[in-house]
Amino acid sequence: MDIVGREHLLHWYLNRDPKATVRHVLTNMRTTLIDSGSVLVQSYVTLFFHALISSSNAAPPAAKVSMMGRYSDTLTNMDGVWLLTHREVQVDFQGDGAA
């Protein structure tokens, strides 16, 4: 799925499953200066997914690893604020959890 633009990202976020918890754990980040207003950030990502089935107060079971891979992000400085302007995702391993 490609998400292009802030409006599309916001629409996707507001319409996601409210019972699903997803965590993206980024490690081994390497930043490379492209020019004075852009950087490339490469990192490994492990995505954990958990779907809440019960509304009890008991601790939920451990989340499953849904995906392991790499992010290649371009950040651009726009009026003094660094914004993510492009993300390339390389999936190395796909688990049975939802992504």
Protein backbone atom coordinates (compact mmCIF):
# COMPACT_ATOMS: atom_id res chain seq x y z
CA MET A 1 0.00 0.00 0.00
CA ASP A 2 1.33 3.40 -0.94
CA ILE A 3 0.40 6.35 1.23
CA VAL A 4 1.12 9.62 -0.55
CA GLY A 5 0.71 12.98 1.14
CA ARG A 6 -0.29 14.16 4.58
CA GLU A 7 -4.05 14.01 3.85
CA HIS A 8 -3.83 10.37 2.73
CA LEU A 9 -1.76 9.47 5.81
CA LEU A 10 -4.25 11.18 8.13
CA HIS A 11 -7.20 9.43 6.42
CA TRP A 12 -5.48 6.05 6.80
CA TYR A 13 -4.65 6.76 10.47
CA LEU A 14 -8.19 7.83 11.39
CA ASN A 15 -9.69 4.74 9.71
CA ARG A 16 -7.37 2.09 11.16
CA ASP A 17 -8.62 -0.70 13.45
CA PRO A 18 -8.94 0.89 16.94
CA LYS A 19 -8.33 -2.51 18.59
CA ALA A 20 -4.99 -3.02 16.88
CA THR A 21 -1.73 -1.94 18.44
CA VAL A 22 1.31 -1.64 16.20
CA ARG A 23 4.85 -0.71 17.23
CA HIS A 24 7.70 0.04 14.84
CA VAL A 25 11.05 -0.51 16.56
CA LEU A 26 13.90 1.16 14.65
CA THR A 27 17.54 0.24 15.21
CA ASN A 28 20.99 0.82 13.69
CA MET A 29 20.05 4.21 12.23
CA ARG A 30 22.56 5.78 9.86
CA THR A 31 22.13 9.38 8.71
CA THR A 32 23.73 10.70 5.53
CA LEU A 33 23.65 14.37 4.52
CA ILE A 34 22.24 14.76 1.00
CA ASP A 35 22.46 18.56 0.93
CA SER A 36 21.91 21.47 3.32
CA GLY A 37 18.16 20.80 3.47
CA SER A 38 17.88 17.02 3.10
CA VAL A 39 19.14 13.89 4.84
CA LEU A 40 18.83 10.17 4.17
CA VAL A 41 18.15 8.00 7.24
CA GLN A 42 18.55 4.25 6.83
CA SER A 43 17.44 1.90 9.61
CA TYR A 44 16.33 -1.61 10.44
CA VAL A 45 12.69 -1.97 11.47
CA THR A 46 10.90 -4.66 13.47
CA LEU A 47 7.12 -4.30 13.41
CA PHE A 48 5.11 -5.77 16.29
CA PHE A 49 1.33 -6.25 15.97
CA HIS A 50 -1.30 -7.05 18.58
CA ALA A 51 -5.07 -7.17 18.12
CA LEU A 52 -7.04 -6.60 21.32
CA ILE A 53 -9.69 -9.30 21.57
CA SER A 54 -10.93 -8.83 25.13
CA SER A 55 -11.77 -5.65 27.02
CA SER A 56 -10.63 -7.12 30.35
CA ASN A 57 -8.02 -5.39 32.48
CA ALA A 58 -5.71 -8.41 32.27
CA ALA A 59 -2.39 -7.92 30.52
CA PRO A 60 -2.68 -8.82 26.83
CA PRO A 61 -0.56 -11.61 25.37
CA ALA A 62 2.76 -10.65 23.81
CA ALA A 63 2.60 -8.98 20.43
CA LYS A 64 3.74 -10.93 17.38
CA VAL A 65 6.53 -9.89 15.08
CA SER A 66 4.69 -8.99 11.92
CA MET A 67 7.58 -7.80 9.76
CA MET A 68 11.33 -7.27 9.79
CA GLY A 69 13.01 -5.11 7.20
CA ARG A 70 14.65 -1.81 6.40
CA TYR A 71 13.49 1.78 6.03
CA SER A 72 15.22 4.27 3.78
CA ASP A 73 13.78 7.68 4.72
CA THR A 74 14.37 11.07 3.17
CA LEU A 75 13.79 14.00 5.52
CA THR A 76 13.61 17.55 4.21
CA ASN A 77 13.92 20.78 6.18
CA MET A 78 10.85 22.89 5.38
CA ASP A 79 10.80 26.28 7.12
CA GLY A 80 12.95 24.98 9.99
CA VAL A 81 10.95 21.77 10.49
CA TRP A 82 12.32 18.38 9.41
CA LEU A 83 9.58 16.41 7.61
CA LEU A 84 9.54 12.89 6.26
CA THR A 85 9.17 13.37 2.51
CA HIS A 86 9.82 9.84 1.24
CA ARG A 87 10.00 6.33 2.70
CA GLU A 88 11.15 3.22 0.92
CA VAL A 89 10.41 -0.06 2.71
CA GLN A 90 12.36 -3.25 2.08
CA VAL A 91 10.62 -6.27 3.67
CA ASP A 92 13.11 -8.98 4.66
CA PHE A 93 10.76 -11.25 6.65
CA GLN A 94 6.95 -11.27 6.87
CA GLY A 95 5.24 -12.89 9.87
CA ASP A 96 1.67 -14.08 10.25
CA GLY A 97 0.55 -10.98 12.17
CA ALA A 98 -1.23 -8.17 10.35
CA ALA A 99 0.86 -5.31 9.00
